N, C-alpha and C. Protein backbone atom coordinates (compact mmCIF):
# COMPACT_ATOMS: atom_id res chain seq x y z
N MET A 1 24.63 -3.06 17.83
CA MET A 1 23.70 -3.08 18.95
C MET A 1 23.42 -4.53 19.31
N SER A 2 23.32 -4.79 20.58
CA SER A 2 23.08 -6.16 21.04
C SER A 2 21.66 -6.59 20.71
N ARG A 3 21.46 -7.89 20.74
CA ARG A 3 20.13 -8.45 20.48
C ARG A 3 19.13 -7.95 21.52
N VAL A 4 19.59 -7.81 22.78
CA VAL A 4 18.70 -7.32 23.84
C VAL A 4 18.26 -5.89 23.53
N GLY A 5 19.19 -5.05 23.07
CA GLY A 5 18.85 -3.67 22.72
C GLY A 5 17.83 -3.61 21.61
N LEU A 6 18.00 -4.46 20.60
CA LEU A 6 17.03 -4.51 19.51
C LEU A 6 15.67 -4.96 20.01
N ASP A 7 15.66 -5.97 20.88
CA ASP A 7 14.39 -6.46 21.40
C ASP A 7 13.64 -5.38 22.15
N LEU A 8 14.35 -4.56 22.92
CA LEU A 8 13.69 -3.47 23.65
C LEU A 8 13.10 -2.45 22.69
N ARG A 9 13.84 -2.12 21.65
CA ARG A 9 13.34 -1.16 20.66
C ARG A 9 12.09 -1.68 19.96
N TYR A 10 12.14 -2.94 19.57
CA TYR A 10 11.03 -3.49 18.81
C TYR A 10 9.83 -3.79 19.70
N ARG A 11 10.04 -3.88 21.00
CA ARG A 11 8.90 -4.03 21.90
C ARG A 11 8.02 -2.78 21.81
N GLN A 12 8.66 -1.61 21.71
CA GLN A 12 7.89 -0.37 21.54
C GLN A 12 7.12 -0.42 20.23
N MET A 13 7.77 -0.92 19.19
CA MET A 13 7.10 -1.02 17.90
C MET A 13 5.89 -1.94 18.00
N ALA A 14 6.02 -3.00 18.77
CA ALA A 14 4.91 -3.93 18.95
C ALA A 14 3.71 -3.24 19.58
N LEU A 15 3.96 -2.39 20.56
CA LEU A 15 2.86 -1.67 21.21
C LEU A 15 2.14 -0.76 20.23
N ILE A 16 2.89 -0.15 19.34
CA ILE A 16 2.29 0.71 18.32
C ILE A 16 1.42 -0.13 17.39
N LEU A 17 1.94 -1.25 16.96
CA LEU A 17 1.23 -2.09 16.01
C LEU A 17 -0.05 -2.67 16.60
N ILE A 18 -0.04 -2.98 17.89
CA ILE A 18 -1.21 -3.54 18.55
C ILE A 18 -2.39 -2.59 18.46
N ARG A 19 -2.11 -1.29 18.53
CA ARG A 19 -3.17 -0.29 18.57
C ARG A 19 -3.76 0.00 17.19
N MET A 20 -3.15 -0.47 16.15
CA MET A 20 -3.61 -0.17 14.80
C MET A 20 -4.42 -1.35 14.26
N ASP A 21 -5.10 -1.15 13.19
CA ASP A 21 -5.91 -2.19 12.55
C ASP A 21 -5.00 -3.31 12.07
N ALA A 22 -5.12 -4.48 12.69
CA ALA A 22 -4.19 -5.58 12.45
C ALA A 22 -4.21 -6.06 11.00
N SER A 23 -5.36 -6.16 10.38
CA SER A 23 -5.40 -6.70 9.02
C SER A 23 -4.67 -5.79 8.04
N ARG A 24 -4.83 -4.49 8.18
CA ARG A 24 -4.12 -3.55 7.30
C ARG A 24 -2.62 -3.62 7.54
N ILE A 25 -2.25 -3.70 8.80
CA ILE A 25 -0.82 -3.78 9.13
C ILE A 25 -0.23 -5.06 8.57
N ASN A 26 -0.92 -6.17 8.77
CA ASN A 26 -0.42 -7.45 8.26
C ASN A 26 -0.20 -7.39 6.75
N LEU A 27 -1.15 -6.82 6.03
CA LEU A 27 -1.02 -6.71 4.58
C LEU A 27 0.13 -5.79 4.19
N ALA A 28 0.26 -4.66 4.87
CA ALA A 28 1.31 -3.70 4.55
C ALA A 28 2.70 -4.27 4.84
N VAL A 29 2.87 -4.85 6.02
CA VAL A 29 4.16 -5.41 6.39
C VAL A 29 4.48 -6.61 5.50
N GLY A 30 3.48 -7.43 5.23
CA GLY A 30 3.70 -8.59 4.36
C GLY A 30 4.15 -8.18 2.96
N ALA A 31 3.53 -7.15 2.42
CA ALA A 31 3.91 -6.67 1.09
C ALA A 31 5.35 -6.16 1.10
N GLU A 32 5.73 -5.49 2.18
CA GLU A 32 7.10 -4.97 2.30
C GLU A 32 8.11 -6.12 2.39
N LEU A 33 7.77 -7.15 3.15
CA LEU A 33 8.65 -8.33 3.26
C LEU A 33 8.79 -9.02 1.90
N ARG A 34 7.67 -9.18 1.21
CA ARG A 34 7.68 -9.84 -0.10
C ARG A 34 8.54 -9.04 -1.09
N ALA A 35 8.39 -7.72 -1.08
CA ALA A 35 9.16 -6.87 -1.99
C ALA A 35 10.66 -6.96 -1.67
N ALA A 36 11.00 -6.97 -0.39
CA ALA A 36 12.42 -7.08 -0.01
C ALA A 36 12.99 -8.43 -0.42
N ARG A 37 12.22 -9.48 -0.24
CA ARG A 37 12.67 -10.82 -0.65
C ARG A 37 12.88 -10.85 -2.16
N ALA A 38 11.97 -10.23 -2.90
CA ALA A 38 12.09 -10.19 -4.37
C ALA A 38 13.33 -9.38 -4.79
N ARG A 39 13.62 -8.29 -4.07
CA ARG A 39 14.81 -7.48 -4.39
C ARG A 39 16.08 -8.32 -4.24
N HIS A 40 16.10 -9.21 -3.26
CA HIS A 40 17.25 -10.09 -3.06
C HIS A 40 17.26 -11.25 -4.06
N GLY A 41 16.12 -11.49 -4.70
CA GLY A 41 16.01 -12.60 -5.64
C GLY A 41 15.93 -13.95 -4.95
N TRP A 42 15.42 -13.96 -3.72
CA TRP A 42 15.33 -15.20 -2.94
C TRP A 42 13.94 -15.81 -3.04
N SER A 43 13.91 -17.12 -2.99
CA SER A 43 12.64 -17.83 -2.86
C SER A 43 12.26 -17.83 -1.38
N ARG A 44 11.05 -18.26 -1.08
CA ARG A 44 10.65 -18.38 0.33
C ARG A 44 11.55 -19.38 1.06
N GLU A 45 11.91 -20.44 0.36
CA GLU A 45 12.76 -21.46 0.96
C GLU A 45 14.13 -20.90 1.30
N GLU A 46 14.69 -20.06 0.41
CA GLU A 46 15.99 -19.45 0.69
C GLU A 46 15.91 -18.51 1.89
N LEU A 47 14.84 -17.73 1.95
CA LEU A 47 14.67 -16.84 3.10
C LEU A 47 14.49 -17.67 4.37
N ALA A 48 13.79 -18.78 4.27
CA ALA A 48 13.59 -19.65 5.43
C ALA A 48 14.93 -20.18 5.95
N GLU A 49 15.80 -20.60 5.04
CA GLU A 49 17.12 -21.09 5.44
C GLU A 49 17.93 -20.01 6.14
N ARG A 50 17.87 -18.80 5.62
CA ARG A 50 18.67 -17.71 6.18
C ARG A 50 18.10 -17.19 7.49
N SER A 51 16.79 -17.28 7.67
CA SER A 51 16.15 -16.67 8.84
C SER A 51 15.75 -17.66 9.93
N GLY A 52 15.56 -18.92 9.55
CA GLY A 52 15.08 -19.90 10.52
C GLY A 52 13.56 -19.89 10.67
N VAL A 53 12.87 -19.13 9.83
CA VAL A 53 11.41 -19.07 9.84
C VAL A 53 10.91 -20.01 8.74
N SER A 54 9.90 -20.79 9.03
CA SER A 54 9.44 -21.79 8.05
C SER A 54 8.88 -21.11 6.80
N PRO A 55 9.02 -21.77 5.63
CA PRO A 55 8.47 -21.21 4.39
C PRO A 55 6.96 -20.99 4.47
N VAL A 56 6.25 -21.87 5.17
CA VAL A 56 4.80 -21.72 5.31
C VAL A 56 4.48 -20.45 6.09
N SER A 57 5.21 -20.21 7.17
CA SER A 57 4.99 -18.98 7.95
C SER A 57 5.31 -17.75 7.12
N ILE A 58 6.41 -17.81 6.37
CA ILE A 58 6.77 -16.68 5.51
C ILE A 58 5.65 -16.39 4.52
N ARG A 59 5.09 -17.44 3.91
CA ARG A 59 3.98 -17.26 2.97
C ARG A 59 2.80 -16.58 3.66
N ARG A 60 2.49 -17.01 4.87
CA ARG A 60 1.36 -16.42 5.60
C ARG A 60 1.64 -14.97 5.98
N TYR A 61 2.88 -14.68 6.40
CA TYR A 61 3.22 -13.30 6.75
C TYR A 61 3.16 -12.40 5.52
N GLU A 62 3.74 -12.86 4.41
CA GLU A 62 3.75 -12.05 3.20
C GLU A 62 2.35 -11.82 2.65
N GLY A 63 1.47 -12.78 2.84
CA GLY A 63 0.10 -12.65 2.36
C GLY A 63 -0.81 -11.88 3.30
N GLY A 64 -0.28 -11.48 4.45
CA GLY A 64 -1.08 -10.75 5.43
C GLY A 64 -2.08 -11.63 6.14
N MET A 65 -1.90 -12.95 6.05
CA MET A 65 -2.85 -13.88 6.67
C MET A 65 -2.58 -14.09 8.16
N ARG A 66 -1.41 -13.68 8.60
CA ARG A 66 -1.04 -13.91 9.99
C ARG A 66 -0.24 -12.72 10.50
N SER A 67 -0.47 -12.36 11.76
CA SER A 67 0.32 -11.31 12.40
C SER A 67 1.72 -11.85 12.67
N ILE A 68 2.71 -10.99 12.50
CA ILE A 68 4.09 -11.40 12.69
C ILE A 68 4.52 -11.09 14.12
N PRO A 69 4.96 -12.10 14.87
CA PRO A 69 5.48 -11.81 16.21
C PRO A 69 6.70 -10.88 16.09
N VAL A 70 6.88 -10.04 17.08
CA VAL A 70 7.94 -9.03 17.02
C VAL A 70 9.31 -9.67 16.82
N ASP A 71 9.61 -10.76 17.54
CA ASP A 71 10.93 -11.36 17.39
C ASP A 71 11.16 -11.89 15.98
N VAL A 72 10.12 -12.41 15.35
CA VAL A 72 10.24 -12.90 13.97
C VAL A 72 10.39 -11.71 13.02
N LEU A 73 9.64 -10.64 13.26
CA LEU A 73 9.76 -9.45 12.43
C LEU A 73 11.17 -8.89 12.50
N VAL A 74 11.74 -8.83 13.70
CA VAL A 74 13.11 -8.34 13.88
C VAL A 74 14.07 -9.21 13.07
N CYS A 75 13.92 -10.51 13.17
CA CYS A 75 14.78 -11.44 12.45
C CYS A 75 14.68 -11.22 10.94
N LEU A 76 13.46 -11.12 10.43
CA LEU A 76 13.27 -10.93 8.98
C LEU A 76 13.80 -9.58 8.51
N ILE A 77 13.61 -8.55 9.32
CA ILE A 77 14.13 -7.22 8.98
C ILE A 77 15.65 -7.27 8.88
N GLU A 78 16.29 -7.96 9.82
CA GLU A 78 17.75 -8.05 9.80
C GLU A 78 18.24 -8.86 8.61
N VAL A 79 17.63 -10.01 8.36
CA VAL A 79 18.07 -10.87 7.26
C VAL A 79 17.85 -10.18 5.91
N LEU A 80 16.70 -9.54 5.75
CA LEU A 80 16.37 -8.89 4.48
C LEU A 80 16.98 -7.49 4.34
N LYS A 81 17.62 -7.02 5.43
CA LYS A 81 18.23 -5.68 5.45
C LYS A 81 17.21 -4.61 5.07
N ILE A 82 16.05 -4.70 5.72
CA ILE A 82 14.99 -3.72 5.49
C ILE A 82 15.20 -2.57 6.46
N ASP A 83 15.05 -1.36 5.95
CA ASP A 83 15.08 -0.18 6.81
C ASP A 83 13.74 -0.09 7.52
N ILE A 84 13.77 0.08 8.82
CA ILE A 84 12.53 0.15 9.59
C ILE A 84 11.63 1.28 9.09
N ALA A 85 12.23 2.31 8.51
CA ALA A 85 11.44 3.42 7.97
C ALA A 85 10.56 2.94 6.81
N ASP A 86 11.03 1.94 6.06
CA ASP A 86 10.22 1.39 4.97
C ASP A 86 8.97 0.69 5.51
N ILE A 87 9.15 -0.03 6.62
CA ILE A 87 8.01 -0.68 7.27
C ILE A 87 7.03 0.39 7.77
N ASP A 88 7.58 1.42 8.39
CA ASP A 88 6.74 2.51 8.90
C ASP A 88 5.95 3.16 7.77
N ARG A 89 6.61 3.45 6.65
CA ARG A 89 5.91 4.07 5.52
C ARG A 89 4.81 3.16 4.97
N ALA A 90 5.09 1.87 4.92
CA ALA A 90 4.08 0.92 4.43
C ALA A 90 2.86 0.93 5.34
N ILE A 91 3.10 0.97 6.64
CA ILE A 91 1.99 1.01 7.60
C ILE A 91 1.22 2.32 7.47
N GLN A 92 1.95 3.43 7.33
CA GLN A 92 1.29 4.73 7.17
C GLN A 92 0.44 4.76 5.90
N ARG A 93 1.00 4.22 4.81
CA ARG A 93 0.23 4.19 3.55
C ARG A 93 -1.03 3.35 3.71
N SER A 94 -0.94 2.27 4.47
CA SER A 94 -2.12 1.43 4.66
C SER A 94 -3.19 2.17 5.45
N GLY A 95 -2.78 3.01 6.39
CA GLY A 95 -3.74 3.82 7.15
C GLY A 95 -4.34 4.92 6.31
N ASP A 96 -3.53 5.47 5.38
CA ASP A 96 -4.02 6.53 4.51
C ASP A 96 -5.05 6.02 3.52
N SER A 97 -5.03 4.71 3.25
CA SER A 97 -5.95 4.16 2.26
C SER A 97 -7.25 3.66 2.89
N ALA A 98 -7.49 4.02 4.15
CA ALA A 98 -8.74 3.62 4.81
C ALA A 98 -9.92 4.24 4.06
N PRO A 99 -11.03 3.54 3.98
CA PRO A 99 -12.20 4.10 3.30
C PRO A 99 -12.62 5.44 3.90
N LYS A 100 -13.17 6.33 3.05
CA LYS A 100 -13.55 7.66 3.51
C LYS A 100 -14.57 7.61 4.64
N ALA A 101 -15.52 6.72 4.57
CA ALA A 101 -16.54 6.63 5.62
C ALA A 101 -15.90 6.25 6.95
N GLU A 102 -14.90 5.39 6.90
CA GLU A 102 -14.22 4.98 8.13
C GLU A 102 -13.44 6.16 8.71
N ARG A 103 -12.75 6.93 7.84
CA ARG A 103 -12.00 8.09 8.33
C ARG A 103 -12.96 9.13 8.90
N ALA A 104 -14.10 9.32 8.25
CA ALA A 104 -15.06 10.31 8.73
C ALA A 104 -15.63 9.91 10.07
N SER A 105 -15.83 8.63 10.29
CA SER A 105 -16.42 8.19 11.55
C SER A 105 -15.50 8.47 12.73
N THR A 106 -14.20 8.56 12.50
CA THR A 106 -13.29 8.86 13.61
C THR A 106 -13.35 10.34 13.99
N ARG A 107 -13.96 11.16 13.15
CA ARG A 107 -14.07 12.58 13.47
C ARG A 107 -15.34 12.90 14.25
N ALA A 108 -16.31 12.00 14.27
CA ALA A 108 -17.60 12.28 14.88
C ALA A 108 -17.59 11.92 16.36
N GLY A 109 -18.19 12.80 17.18
CA GLY A 109 -18.35 12.51 18.61
C GLY A 109 -17.09 12.75 19.41
N SER A 110 -17.28 13.01 20.71
CA SER A 110 -16.14 13.33 21.56
C SER A 110 -15.24 12.13 21.79
N ALA A 111 -15.82 10.94 21.93
CA ALA A 111 -14.99 9.75 22.14
C ALA A 111 -14.14 9.48 20.91
N ASP A 112 -14.76 9.63 19.73
CA ASP A 112 -14.01 9.43 18.50
C ASP A 112 -12.95 10.51 18.32
N GLN A 113 -13.25 11.73 18.73
CA GLN A 113 -12.28 12.81 18.63
C GLN A 113 -11.08 12.52 19.51
N ALA A 114 -11.32 12.04 20.72
CA ALA A 114 -10.22 11.69 21.61
C ALA A 114 -9.38 10.57 21.00
N GLN A 115 -10.06 9.61 20.39
CA GLN A 115 -9.34 8.52 19.75
C GLN A 115 -8.50 9.05 18.59
N SER A 116 -9.06 9.96 17.82
CA SER A 116 -8.34 10.55 16.70
C SER A 116 -7.12 11.33 17.19
N GLU A 117 -7.29 12.09 18.26
CA GLU A 117 -6.16 12.83 18.82
C GLU A 117 -5.09 11.86 19.33
N GLY A 118 -5.54 10.77 19.94
CA GLY A 118 -4.60 9.76 20.41
C GLY A 118 -3.83 9.14 19.25
N ALA A 119 -4.53 8.94 18.13
CA ALA A 119 -3.87 8.38 16.95
C ALA A 119 -2.81 9.34 16.43
N GLY A 120 -3.09 10.64 16.49
CA GLY A 120 -2.10 11.63 16.07
C GLY A 120 -0.86 11.59 16.94
N ARG A 121 -1.07 11.47 18.24
CA ARG A 121 0.07 11.36 19.16
C ARG A 121 0.83 10.07 18.90
N LEU A 122 0.10 9.01 18.60
CA LEU A 122 0.73 7.73 18.31
C LEU A 122 1.59 7.83 17.05
N ARG A 123 1.08 8.50 16.02
CA ARG A 123 1.87 8.66 14.79
C ARG A 123 3.13 9.47 15.06
N ALA A 124 3.03 10.50 15.89
CA ALA A 124 4.21 11.30 16.24
C ALA A 124 5.23 10.43 16.98
N HIS A 125 4.74 9.62 17.92
CA HIS A 125 5.63 8.72 18.64
C HIS A 125 6.26 7.71 17.68
N GLN A 126 5.46 7.22 16.76
CA GLN A 126 5.95 6.23 15.80
C GLN A 126 7.06 6.84 14.94
N ARG A 127 6.90 8.10 14.53
CA ARG A 127 7.95 8.75 13.74
C ARG A 127 9.23 8.89 14.55
N ARG A 128 9.10 9.31 15.82
CA ARG A 128 10.29 9.43 16.67
C ARG A 128 10.96 8.08 16.85
N PHE A 129 10.15 7.05 17.09
CA PHE A 129 10.68 5.70 17.27
C PHE A 129 11.40 5.23 16.01
N THR A 130 10.80 5.47 14.86
CA THR A 130 11.40 5.07 13.60
C THR A 130 12.73 5.78 13.40
N ASP A 131 12.78 7.07 13.72
CA ASP A 131 14.04 7.82 13.61
C ASP A 131 15.10 7.22 14.52
N ASP A 132 14.73 6.86 15.74
CA ASP A 132 15.68 6.26 16.68
C ASP A 132 16.21 4.94 16.15
N VAL A 133 15.31 4.10 15.65
CA VAL A 133 15.73 2.79 15.14
C VAL A 133 16.62 2.96 13.92
N LYS A 134 16.27 3.89 13.03
CA LYS A 134 17.09 4.13 11.84
C LYS A 134 18.47 4.59 12.25
N ARG A 135 18.55 5.49 13.21
CA ARG A 135 19.84 5.97 13.69
C ARG A 135 20.66 4.81 14.26
N ASP A 136 20.02 3.95 15.03
CA ASP A 136 20.71 2.78 15.60
C ASP A 136 21.19 1.84 14.50
N GLN A 137 20.36 1.64 13.48
CA GLN A 137 20.76 0.78 12.37
C GLN A 137 21.96 1.38 11.64
N ASP A 138 21.95 2.69 11.42
CA ASP A 138 23.06 3.36 10.75
C ASP A 138 24.34 3.19 11.56
N ARG A 139 24.25 3.36 12.87
CA ARG A 139 25.43 3.18 13.73
C ARG A 139 25.95 1.75 13.64
N ALA A 140 25.04 0.79 13.67
CA ALA A 140 25.45 -0.62 13.60
C ALA A 140 26.10 -0.92 12.25
N ASN A 141 25.56 -0.34 11.18
CA ASN A 141 26.13 -0.56 9.85
C ASN A 141 27.51 0.06 9.73
N LYS A 142 27.72 1.21 10.36
CA LYS A 142 29.03 1.86 10.31
C LYS A 142 30.08 1.03 11.05
N ARG A 143 29.64 0.38 12.15
CA ARG A 143 30.57 -0.46 12.91
C ARG A 143 30.92 -1.74 12.17
N ALA A 144 30.00 -2.18 11.32
CA ALA A 144 30.22 -3.48 10.64
C ALA A 144 31.21 -3.37 9.51
């Protein structure tokens, strides 16, 4: 798949991420990046050389201290050979670990109910998007 095709796919992912709690997402995605880097046995400096992302930025992304721009996330996913479904699962797990009081507050009131229903639709869209990206990655891997 061309770089332009990937950029269009990940633009959709960016819209999904914007709507979710940024700090939880940053921590979840950062942990996934750190785990993938560890699986490869690379230091931050080695990942920086391979990806073109500075070691300081990588440290901040892995620590959840900074939101990852979509183009940088795409680059890191490609270099680390991370399955987008792993990122999706990490984000879902971070949402599942929300405090009970916070989850309960989304059930109260009509505005919160609408927001909760919207979140359900968003999760369904996110699953479809993840399936599409995984399928595209599989096709690209078969061609390689």
